[in-house]
Amino acid sequence: MDSLKPKIVTVDKRNYRFPDSSAWTQYRNVGTYEEETSERSEPIYDSDEESNESNIEIKPHFGGRFIHSFHVPRAFYAFIIGSKGATRKRLEAETKSTINIPKVGQDGDIVIIGRSRRSIISARNRIDLLVESSRKKVQFTHFLSVPLTDKNVIHEFREFQKDVLNKTGKGARGISDSLFQSEERLHLTLDVLKLLDDNERKAAAKKLQDCKKDVIDPFLKANGPINLEIKGVEIMNDEPSETKILYARIVDSEQTFQTLADNIVDYFVKDGLINRKYSRVKLHMTIMNMKFALKDDSEALKGDWGSFDASNILKVHKNTYFGKMKLSTIHLSQRNTRNEIGYYKDTSKIDV
């Protein structure tokens, strides 16, 4: 079915047919520059696309040739090189170009040298598509977060945790203290990002600062301060006895914060920093998650994380009040980190 109905990948507003390969899923399990092992794991190109003009900078080079250089995060070099250099060799042969990639452990630009502009454009398009496709297979590194660590919210969270462990969830399948979020890390996630080098992190940090000026400040000026009220619990799936994630609802009856949250995410989507998965931001504060009980990401990648029975929790805590707090800060948080007070380290943050 991958061949009959290949995935469509969009790069720079152009669509490509991309037959997926199991090689991509091996990214996290093999050594440096040996991720791609299939004989054919590149996209299928239409010849017309390769002859299209491009706005990339191409300069004259020695011997009547042309040269083009561009930045790609080091994490993607392996996909461009392939197992034993097979992918790069194939790209060079098919596009009649030479592709120079920084050595292992080094950063720098990828350099394409070709005898014509068309060969360079063709090679650049193919590399762009390889990068875009492989990015979808990489774990996210950052997320836009709103800390929900007000002292009153933390107090109510503690009371909820005590009740679940000692009364409401006592004896229920799968429930243990390892499922609960750390109180100092309670937060609301707007969306996630994959920032794989300093250039991408700096771009996202600047985007957050620009977002405050262009989106958030004008919105708050027009609508006034936003209070986040946290009340009641729900689950991500449909069957309470097979719960994986339980969260507290963010009450937003006027849809004010919902609108602002969507506008913020849209601002990042425009620059390709966020690949929006859902049409709207889901406003929630995760308080129990099966993933919290796992040792590391490798266990999560294996598939099923297990589940717990939240049937009684949902009944008892349907309207439990966790508190209210003013929206005061938004962070570009680093996944799987802790700062000096226990919250996630930030690459950037803004006060609102």
Protein backbone atom coordinates (compact mmCIF):
# COMPACT_ATOMS: atom_id res chain seq x y z
CA MET A 1 0.00 0.00 0.00
CA ASP A 2 2.98 2.34 0.48
CA SER A 3 3.60 2.04 -3.26
CA LEU A 4 -0.05 2.27 -4.34
CA LYS A 5 -0.93 5.11 -1.97
CA PRO A 6 2.34 6.86 -1.04
CA LYS A 7 2.46 9.63 1.52
CA ILE A 8 2.28 13.19 0.23
CA VAL A 9 4.99 15.42 1.70
CA THR A 10 4.87 19.21 1.23
CA VAL A 11 8.09 21.22 1.02
CA ASP A 12 7.99 24.95 0.22
CA LYS A 13 4.34 24.65 -0.91
CA ARG A 14 5.22 21.84 -3.37
CA ASN A 15 3.81 18.34 -3.03
CA TYR A 16 5.87 15.18 -3.48
CA ARG A 17 4.90 11.50 -3.47
CA PHE A 18 6.96 9.73 -0.82
CA PRO A 19 6.83 5.92 -0.44
CA ASP A 20 7.67 5.36 3.23
CA SER A 21 10.29 2.81 4.23
CA SER A 22 10.91 0.88 7.40
CA ALA A 23 14.39 2.36 7.32
CA TRP A 24 13.03 5.63 8.69
CA THR A 25 11.77 3.93 11.85
CA GLN A 26 15.26 2.66 12.63
CA TYR A 27 16.56 6.17 13.20
CA ARG A 28 16.90 5.89 16.97
CA ASN A 29 18.26 2.35 17.00
CA VAL A 30 21.33 2.36 14.73
CA GLY A 31 24.71 4.00 14.67
CA THR A 32 25.82 7.30 13.21
CA TYR A 33 25.29 7.67 9.45
CA GLU A 34 23.77 4.20 9.14
CA GLU A 35 20.10 4.95 9.56
CA GLU A 36 18.97 4.33 6.01
CA THR A 37 19.31 0.71 4.94
CA SER A 38 16.70 0.19 2.24
CA GLU A 39 17.54 0.17 -1.45
CA ARG A 40 14.90 2.76 -2.22
CA SER A 41 13.82 5.16 0.51
CA GLU A 42 13.83 8.43 -1.38
CA PRO A 43 10.83 10.24 -2.83
CA ILE A 44 9.56 9.78 -6.36
CA TYR A 45 10.06 12.98 -8.35
CA ASP A 46 8.28 14.32 -11.37
CA SER A 47 10.78 15.54 -13.95
CA ASP A 48 8.89 18.80 -14.40
CA GLU A 49 9.45 19.69 -10.75
CA GLU A 50 13.18 19.33 -11.05
CA SER A 51 13.37 21.83 -13.90
CA ASN A 52 11.35 24.49 -12.08
CA GLU A 53 13.12 27.73 -11.25
CA SER A 54 13.98 28.25 -7.60
CA ASN A 55 14.73 31.25 -5.41
CA ILE A 56 17.81 29.62 -3.84
CA GLU A 57 21.13 31.42 -4.25
CA ILE A 58 23.34 29.74 -6.85
CA LYS A 59 26.77 31.19 -7.60
CA PRO A 60 29.25 30.66 -10.45
CA HIS A 61 32.08 28.26 -9.57
CA PHE A 62 35.36 27.10 -11.09
CA GLY A 63 35.38 25.39 -14.46
CA GLY A 64 32.02 26.75 -15.55
CA ARG A 65 30.22 24.98 -12.75
CA PHE A 66 27.81 26.35 -10.16
CA ILE A 67 27.74 26.15 -6.35
CA HIS A 68 25.05 26.42 -3.67
CA SER A 69 25.35 26.09 0.11
CA PHE A 70 22.64 25.85 2.77
CA HIS A 71 22.18 24.91 6.40
CA VAL A 72 20.76 21.58 7.60
CA PRO A 73 20.82 20.46 11.26
CA ARG A 74 23.47 17.84 11.94
CA ALA A 75 20.79 15.37 13.04
CA PHE A 76 19.73 14.94 9.41
CA TYR A 77 23.15 14.26 7.88
CA ALA A 78 22.65 10.51 8.36
CA PHE A 79 19.51 10.50 6.22
CA ILE A 80 21.24 12.37 3.41
CA ILE A 81 24.33 10.16 3.46
CA GLY A 82 22.56 6.84 3.98
CA SER A 83 24.09 3.47 4.80
CA LYS A 84 27.73 3.44 3.60
CA GLY A 85 27.05 6.64 1.65
CA ALA A 86 24.53 4.97 -0.65
CA THR A 87 21.93 7.73 -0.60
CA ARG A 88 24.37 10.54 -1.28
CA LYS A 89 25.98 8.59 -4.14
CA ARG A 90 22.57 7.95 -5.69
CA LEU A 91 21.58 11.62 -5.36
CA GLU A 92 24.85 12.74 -6.93
CA ALA A 93 24.48 10.32 -9.84
CA GLU A 94 20.85 11.17 -10.56
CA THR A 95 21.27 14.94 -10.27
CA LYS A 96 24.76 15.09 -11.84
CA SER A 97 26.12 17.02 -8.89
CA THR A 98 28.60 16.74 -6.03
CA ILE A 99 27.18 16.96 -2.50
CA ASN A 100 29.62 17.85 0.30
CA ILE A 101 28.45 17.22 3.87
CA PRO A 102 30.35 18.18 7.07
CA LYS A 103 32.27 15.35 8.69
CA VAL A 104 31.03 13.42 11.73
CA GLY A 105 30.78 15.67 14.79
CA GLN A 106 31.10 18.88 12.79
CA ASP A 107 28.57 21.57 11.96
CA GLY A 108 28.49 23.62 8.80
CA ASP A 109 26.69 24.05 5.51
CA ILE A 110 25.92 21.39 2.95
CA VAL A 111 27.51 22.38 -0.37
CA ILE A 112 26.18 21.32 -3.77
CA ILE A 113 28.35 21.74 -6.88
CA GLY A 114 26.87 21.08 -10.32
CA ARG A 115 27.41 21.74 -14.01
CA SER A 116 24.05 23.47 -14.32
CA ARG A 117 21.55 25.37 -12.22
CA ARG A 118 19.04 22.62 -12.92
CA SER A 119 21.23 19.93 -11.34
CA ILE A 120 21.69 22.01 -8.19
CA ILE A 121 17.99 22.78 -7.90
CA SER A 122 17.19 19.09 -8.34
CA ALA A 123 19.67 18.04 -5.63
CA ARG A 124 18.46 20.75 -3.24
CA ASN A 125 14.81 19.74 -3.73
CA ARG A 126 15.61 16.11 -2.98
CA ILE A 127 17.60 16.94 0.13
CA ASP A 128 14.83 19.25 1.37
CA LEU A 129 12.34 16.43 1.01
CA LEU A 130 14.56 13.92 2.80
CA VAL A 131 14.94 16.37 5.69
CA GLU A 132 11.22 17.16 5.85
CA SER A 133 10.27 13.48 5.79
CA SER A 134 12.80 12.42 8.41
CA ARG A 135 11.85 15.29 10.71
CA LYS A 136 8.43 13.71 11.13
CA LYS A 137 10.09 10.62 12.62
CA VAL A 138 12.08 12.51 15.26
CA GLN A 139 10.83 13.04 18.83
CA PHE A 140 9.85 16.62 19.68
CA THR A 141 12.44 18.54 21.70
CA HIS A 142 10.54 21.62 22.93
CA PHE A 143 7.02 22.78 23.65
CA LEU A 144 5.22 26.05 24.24
CA SER A 145 4.01 25.87 27.82
CA VAL A 146 2.03 27.89 30.31
CA PRO A 147 3.23 27.03 33.85
CA LEU A 148 0.31 26.23 36.17
CA THR A 149 2.36 26.22 39.35
CA ASP A 150 0.35 28.69 41.40
CA LYS A 151 0.53 27.69 45.08
CA ASN A 152 -3.25 27.21 45.30
CA VAL A 153 -3.29 24.97 42.23
CA ILE A 154 -0.44 22.91 43.67
CA HIS A 155 -2.30 22.57 46.98
CA GLU A 156 -5.45 21.29 45.27
CA PHE A 157 -3.39 18.94 43.12
CA ARG A 158 -1.82 17.48 46.27
CA GLU A 159 -5.27 16.93 47.76
CA PHE A 160 -6.43 15.23 44.58
CA GLN A 161 -3.38 12.96 44.56
CA LYS A 162 -3.90 11.97 48.21
CA ASP A 163 -7.55 11.19 47.58
CA VAL A 164 -6.84 9.04 44.51
CA LEU A 165 -4.08 7.04 46.21
CA ASN A 166 -5.87 6.57 49.52
CA LYS A 167 -9.57 6.49 48.60
CA THR A 168 -10.93 7.08 45.11
CA GLY A 169 -8.42 5.00 43.20
CA LYS A 170 -7.24 2.68 45.94
CA GLY A 171 -7.26 -0.89 44.68
CA ALA A 172 -8.05 0.15 41.11
CA ARG A 173 -5.97 -1.53 38.43
CA GLY A 174 -2.75 0.19 37.45
CA ILE A 175 -2.90 3.17 39.81
CA SER A 176 0.29 4.17 41.60
CA ASP A 177 2.06 7.37 42.63
CA SER A 178 4.39 7.04 39.62
CA LEU A 179 1.53 8.05 37.29
CA PHE A 180 1.19 11.58 38.69
CA GLN A 181 2.75 14.69 37.23
CA SER A 182 5.33 16.40 39.45
CA GLU A 183 3.62 19.29 41.20
CA GLU A 184 6.39 21.73 40.22
CA ARG A 185 5.91 20.83 36.54
CA LEU A 186 2.14 21.33 36.22
CA HIS A 187 1.53 23.11 32.94
CA LEU A 188 -0.61 23.65 29.88
CA THR A 189 0.93 22.75 26.50
CA LEU A 190 0.05 24.91 23.51
CA ASP A 191 1.97 22.80 20.98
CA VAL A 192 5.25 20.98 20.43
CA LEU A 193 8.34 21.80 18.35
CA LYS A 194 11.32 19.92 16.94
CA LEU A 195 14.36 22.18 17.29
CA LEU A 196 17.46 20.22 16.38
CA ASP A 197 20.29 22.75 16.52
CA ASP A 198 21.20 26.22 17.76
CA ASN A 199 19.93 27.91 14.60
CA GLU A 200 16.47 26.40 15.01
CA ARG A 201 16.40 27.14 18.73
CA LYS A 202 17.37 30.77 18.16
CA ALA A 203 14.72 31.12 15.46
CA ALA A 204 12.02 29.75 17.77
CA ALA A 205 13.17 31.94 20.67
CA LYS A 206 12.98 35.03 18.47
CA LYS A 207 9.58 33.94 17.20
CA LEU A 208 8.25 33.80 20.76
CA GLN A 209 9.49 37.33 21.44
CA ASP A 210 7.94 38.54 18.17
CA CYS A 211 4.71 36.74 19.03
CA LYS A 212 4.39 38.78 22.21
CA LYS A 213 4.67 41.99 20.23
CA ASP A 214 2.59 41.00 17.19
CA VAL A 215 -0.07 38.71 18.68
CA ILE A 216 -0.27 38.54 22.46
CA ASP A 217 0.07 42.18 23.50
CA PRO A 218 -2.55 43.46 20.99
CA PHE A 219 -4.93 40.65 21.99
CA LEU A 220 -4.65 41.36 25.72
CA LYS A 221 -5.01 45.09 25.09
CA ALA A 222 -8.29 44.43 23.31
CA ASN A 223 -9.62 41.74 25.66
CA GLY A 224 -8.01 42.42 29.03
CA PRO A 225 -6.13 40.02 31.35
CA ILE A 226 -6.90 36.30 31.08
CA ASN A 227 -7.63 34.11 34.09
CA LEU A 228 -7.15 30.36 33.79
CA GLU A 229 -9.68 28.37 35.79
CA ILE A 230 -8.97 24.66 36.28
CA LYS A 231 -11.92 22.47 37.14
CA GLY A 232 -12.94 18.83 36.69
CA VAL A 233 -11.13 15.87 35.16
CA GLU A 234 -11.44 14.00 31.87
CA ILE A 235 -9.51 11.34 29.94
CA MET A 236 -7.97 11.31 26.46
CA ASN A 237 -9.59 8.05 25.36
CA ASP A 238 -13.17 6.77 25.48
CA GLU A 239 -12.91 3.85 27.92
CA PRO A 240 -12.35 4.87 31.59
CA SER A 241 -11.15 1.39 32.57
CA GLU A 242 -8.35 1.64 29.96
CA THR A 243 -7.10 5.17 30.66
CA LYS A 244 -3.66 6.29 29.57
CA ILE A 245 -3.89 10.03 30.29
CA LEU A 246 -6.11 11.85 32.78
CA TYR A 247 -6.19 15.64 32.79
CA ALA A 248 -7.84 18.61 34.45
CA ARG A 249 -10.00 20.84 32.24
CA ILE A 250 -9.23 24.50 31.60
CA VAL A 251 -12.58 26.30 31.86
CA ASP A 252 -12.88 28.89 29.09
CA SER A 253 -16.58 29.57 28.61
CA GLU A 254 -16.00 32.78 26.64
CA GLN A 255 -13.38 31.09 24.41
CA THR A 256 -11.03 34.02 25.04
CA PHE A 257 -7.96 32.01 25.94
CA GLN A 258 -8.82 29.40 23.30
CA THR A 259 -8.69 32.11 20.64
CA LEU A 260 -5.39 33.48 21.92
CA ALA A 261 -3.85 29.99 22.15
CA ASP A 262 -4.87 29.20 18.57
CA ASN A 263 -3.49 32.53 17.36
CA ILE A 264 -0.14 31.87 19.04
CA VAL A 265 0.19 28.43 17.47
CA ASP A 266 -0.83 29.78 14.05
CA TYR A 267 1.94 32.39 14.35
CA PHE A 268 4.53 29.61 14.71
CA VAL A 269 2.95 27.48 11.99
CA LYS A 270 3.47 30.23 9.43
CA ASP A 271 7.25 29.91 9.76
CA GLY A 272 7.20 26.12 9.79
CA LEU A 273 8.27 25.94 13.45
CA ILE A 274 5.14 24.02 14.39
CA ASN A 275 3.44 21.36 12.32
CA ARG A 276 -0.15 21.68 13.50
CA LYS A 277 -1.73 18.29 14.14
CA TYR A 278 -5.13 19.47 15.36
CA SER A 279 -7.30 22.37 14.25
CA ARG A 280 -7.47 23.82 17.79
CA VAL A 281 -5.29 23.76 20.88
CA LYS A 282 -6.63 21.34 23.50
CA LEU A 283 -6.65 23.28 26.75
CA HIS A 284 -5.76 20.88 29.56
CA MET A 285 -3.44 20.21 32.48
CA THR A 286 -2.18 16.62 32.48
CA ILE A 287 -2.16 15.19 36.01
CA MET A 288 -1.85 11.42 35.43
CA ASN A 289 -0.09 9.73 32.51
CA MET A 290 1.08 6.17 31.92
CA LYS A 291 4.21 7.59 30.27
CA PHE A 292 5.32 9.06 33.61
CA ALA A 293 5.81 5.51 34.88
CA LEU A 294 8.16 4.58 32.01
CA LYS A 295 11.91 4.74 32.48
CA ASP A 296 12.75 6.56 29.25
CA ASP A 297 11.70 7.29 25.66
CA SER A 298 12.90 3.90 24.46
CA GLU A 299 10.11 2.23 26.43
CA ALA A 300 7.54 4.64 25.02
CA LEU A 301 8.68 3.84 21.47
CA LYS A 302 7.98 0.15 21.98
CA GLY A 303 4.26 0.84 21.69
CA ASP A 304 1.68 0.10 24.36
CA TRP A 305 2.48 1.83 27.65
CA GLY A 306 -0.29 0.05 29.54
CA SER A 307 -3.35 1.65 31.13
CA PHE A 308 -5.11 2.24 34.45
CA ASP A 309 -8.71 2.17 35.61
CA ALA A 310 -9.98 5.73 36.13
CA SER A 311 -13.67 4.87 36.31
CA ASN A 312 -14.19 5.91 39.93
CA ILE A 313 -11.86 8.91 39.68
CA LEU A 314 -13.98 10.35 36.88
CA LYS A 315 -17.15 9.97 38.93
CA VAL A 316 -15.81 11.45 42.17
CA HIS A 317 -13.71 14.25 40.67
CA LYS A 318 -15.97 15.24 37.80
CA ASN A 319 -16.18 18.80 39.14
CA THR A 320 -13.15 19.00 41.45
CA TYR A 321 -11.84 22.56 41.59
CA PHE A 322 -8.08 23.00 41.17
CA GLY A 323 -7.99 26.78 41.31
CA LYS A 324 -7.70 29.92 39.22
CA MET A 325 -4.64 31.88 38.16
CA LYS A 326 -3.79 34.75 35.86
CA LEU A 327 -2.02 34.07 32.57
CA SER A 328 1.34 35.72 33.25
CA THR A 329 4.06 33.88 31.34
CA ILE A 330 4.62 31.59 28.35
CA HIS A 331 7.74 29.45 28.00
CA LEU A 332 9.55 27.75 25.14
CA SER A 333 10.31 24.74 27.33
CA GLN A 334 12.93 22.03 26.81
CA ARG A 335 11.56 18.52 27.01
CA ASN A 336 12.94 16.15 29.69
CA THR A 337 14.74 18.87 31.66
CA ARG A 338 14.44 20.53 35.06
CA ASN A 339 15.50 23.98 36.18
CA GLU A 340 16.53 25.01 39.68
CA ILE A 341 12.92 25.04 40.94
CA GLY A 342 11.89 21.81 39.24
CA TYR A 343 10.05 23.22 36.22
CA TYR A 344 11.27 22.62 32.67
CA LYS A 345 14.30 24.61 31.53
CA ASP A 346 13.37 27.29 29.03
CA THR A 347 15.05 28.26 25.78
CA SER A 348 13.05 31.47 25.91
CA LYS A 349 10.13 32.90 27.84
CA ILE A 350 7.92 35.97 27.87
CA ASP A 351 5.88 37.75 30.51
CA VAL A 352 2.38 38.79 29.46
